[in-house]
Amino acid sequence: MQRDLGDCQAIAKQATGYDPAAPPQTAEPASKPQRGGRLRGAAVGAAAGAASAEVRGQQHQGYDKLSDDTKQDYRQNQAQSGAAAGAVVGGARQRQNRRAQAATQQEQATQAQSAATGYNQSYKSCLLGRGYTVTP
């Protein structure tokens, strides 16, 4: 009986490529959710908004004649707009990354379960073919 069990285990392992003693590794779920996507996006957006405001301002002839306070207000307004847009993009990117990670983990779990099921079916079929009674 022990020889038959060992033979059927080897046959099932060879047929499916699955070894229940060493199941495939799945990605560990992130211990901490990633944070800061909105903040990073806002910082990048603010810097881009301020830089683009300076460039756009230099393209106008009267820009040099404006007071420094007016130029500063213009740059701040552009930086705020850029920060708001960057926060939206950063948050969306963060959510997209989380969804992709969850989908990958789900796919790996499904594949591992499918491999285990195939192994079990092959093992049981082998035992049944050798005249044993197999209970679920």
Protein backbone atom coordinates (compact mmCIF):
# COMPACT_ATOMS: atom_id res chain seq x y z
CA MET A 1 0.00 0.00 0.00
CA GLN A 2 2.83 2.44 0.85
CA ARG A 3 4.48 1.74 -2.49
CA ASP A 4 1.22 2.40 -4.33
CA LEU A 5 0.73 5.67 -2.45
CA GLY A 6 4.29 6.76 -3.25
CA ASP A 7 3.95 5.73 -6.91
CA CYS A 8 0.67 7.61 -7.28
CA GLN A 9 2.15 10.70 -5.66
CA ALA A 10 5.09 10.58 -8.10
CA ILE A 11 2.75 10.06 -11.06
CA ALA A 12 0.50 12.95 -10.01
CA LYS A 13 3.51 15.19 -9.44
CA GLN A 14 4.95 14.34 -12.85
CA ALA A 15 1.60 14.75 -14.62
CA THR A 16 0.76 18.12 -13.09
CA GLY A 17 4.12 19.61 -12.17
CA TYR A 18 2.73 20.36 -8.72
CA ASP A 19 4.38 19.18 -5.52
CA PRO A 20 2.21 19.51 -2.39
CA ALA A 21 5.37 19.34 -0.25
CA ALA A 22 6.67 22.49 -2.00
CA PRO A 23 3.69 24.50 -3.25
CA PRO A 24 4.42 27.46 -5.54
CA GLN A 25 5.23 30.72 -3.83
CA THR A 26 2.68 33.46 -4.15
CA ALA A 27 3.36 37.14 -3.70
CA GLU A 28 2.96 38.27 -0.14
CA PRO A 29 0.28 40.89 0.32
CA ALA A 30 1.72 44.28 1.09
CA SER A 31 1.96 44.60 4.85
CA LYS A 32 1.27 48.31 4.69
CA PRO A 33 -0.76 49.98 2.01
CA GLN A 34 1.32 52.39 0.01
CA ARG A 35 0.69 55.94 1.06
CA GLY A 36 1.65 59.35 -0.15
CA GLY A 37 0.61 59.10 -3.78
CA ARG A 38 -1.46 62.26 -3.60
CA LEU A 39 1.21 64.12 -1.67
CA ARG A 40 3.96 63.16 -4.11
CA GLY A 41 1.70 64.06 -7.03
CA ALA A 42 0.88 67.42 -5.46
CA ALA A 43 4.56 68.21 -4.89
CA VAL A 44 5.46 67.36 -8.47
CA GLY A 45 2.45 69.28 -9.76
CA ALA A 46 3.29 72.36 -7.68
CA ALA A 47 6.88 72.39 -8.90
CA ALA A 48 5.77 71.94 -12.49
CA GLY A 49 3.12 74.65 -12.13
CA ALA A 50 5.56 77.17 -10.69
CA ALA A 51 8.19 76.41 -13.33
CA SER A 52 5.71 76.63 -16.18
CA ALA A 53 4.34 79.91 -14.78
CA GLU A 54 7.84 81.39 -14.88
CA VAL A 55 8.38 80.21 -18.44
CA ARG A 56 4.98 81.45 -19.62
CA GLY A 57 5.51 84.75 -17.87
CA GLN A 58 8.82 85.26 -19.64
CA GLN A 59 7.10 84.78 -22.99
CA HIS A 60 5.06 87.99 -22.54
CA GLN A 61 6.68 91.33 -23.20
CA GLY A 62 5.21 93.15 -20.21
CA TYR A 63 6.13 90.49 -17.66
CA ASP A 64 9.39 92.19 -16.67
CA LYS A 65 7.51 95.41 -15.95
CA LEU A 66 5.22 93.78 -13.39
CA SER A 67 5.95 94.06 -9.69
CA ASP A 68 7.63 91.17 -7.93
CA ASP A 69 4.49 90.66 -5.81
CA THR A 70 2.35 90.25 -8.92
CA LYS A 71 4.81 87.77 -10.41
CA GLN A 72 4.89 85.85 -7.13
CA ASP A 73 1.08 85.71 -6.97
CA TYR A 74 0.96 84.41 -10.53
CA ARG A 75 3.52 81.69 -9.78
CA GLN A 76 1.68 80.71 -6.59
CA ASN A 77 -1.65 80.45 -8.39
CA GLN A 78 -0.09 78.26 -11.06
CA ALA A 79 1.65 76.15 -8.43
CA GLN A 80 -1.66 75.63 -6.59
CA SER A 81 -3.38 74.57 -9.79
CA GLY A 82 -0.51 72.20 -10.56
CA ALA A 83 -0.60 70.78 -7.04
CA ALA A 84 -4.33 70.08 -7.28
CA ALA A 85 -3.91 68.33 -10.62
CA GLY A 86 -0.89 66.42 -9.34
CA ALA A 87 -2.79 65.23 -6.27
CA VAL A 88 -5.55 63.85 -8.47
CA VAL A 89 -3.08 62.09 -10.76
CA GLY A 90 -1.01 60.78 -7.83
CA GLY A 91 -4.08 59.38 -6.09
CA ALA A 92 -5.32 57.76 -9.28
CA ARG A 93 -1.92 56.20 -9.93
CA GLN A 94 -1.78 54.87 -6.37
CA ARG A 95 -5.24 53.30 -6.66
CA GLN A 96 -4.31 51.79 -10.02
CA ASN A 97 -1.17 50.23 -8.54
CA ARG A 98 -3.15 48.77 -5.63
CA ARG A 99 -5.71 47.24 -8.00
CA ALA A 100 -2.97 45.73 -10.17
CA GLN A 101 -1.25 44.24 -7.13
CA ALA A 102 -4.53 42.76 -5.88
CA ALA A 103 -5.26 41.29 -9.31
CA THR A 104 -1.80 39.71 -9.47
CA GLN A 105 -2.22 38.16 -6.02
CA GLN A 106 -5.65 36.83 -6.95
CA GLU A 107 -4.33 35.33 -10.19
CA GLN A 108 -1.46 33.61 -8.37
CA ALA A 109 -3.82 32.21 -5.75
CA THR A 110 -6.14 30.90 -8.46
CA GLN A 111 -3.26 29.24 -10.32
CA ALA A 112 -1.99 27.61 -7.12
CA GLN A 113 -5.47 26.32 -6.29
CA SER A 114 -5.90 24.99 -9.82
CA ALA A 115 -2.56 23.18 -9.67
CA ALA A 116 -3.45 21.62 -6.31
CA THR A 117 -6.82 20.49 -7.64
CA GLY A 118 -5.19 18.92 -10.70
CA TYR A 119 -2.68 17.10 -8.52
CA ASN A 120 -5.43 15.77 -6.24
CA GLN A 121 -7.50 14.56 -9.19
CA SER A 122 -4.50 12.82 -10.74
CA TYR A 123 -3.55 11.23 -7.43
CA LYS A 124 -7.07 9.96 -6.78
CA SER A 125 -7.38 8.63 -10.33
CA CYS A 126 -4.15 6.70 -9.93
CA LEU A 127 -5.32 5.17 -6.66
CA LEU A 128 -8.71 4.27 -8.14
CA GLY A 129 -6.93 2.66 -11.09
CA ARG A 130 -5.01 0.48 -8.65
CA GLY A 131 -8.22 -0.69 -6.99
CA TYR A 132 -8.29 1.53 -3.91
CA THR A 133 -11.38 3.29 -2.63
CA VAL A 134 -10.84 7.04 -2.29
CA THR A 135 -13.06 9.21 -0.11
CA PRO A 136 -13.19 12.98 -0.61
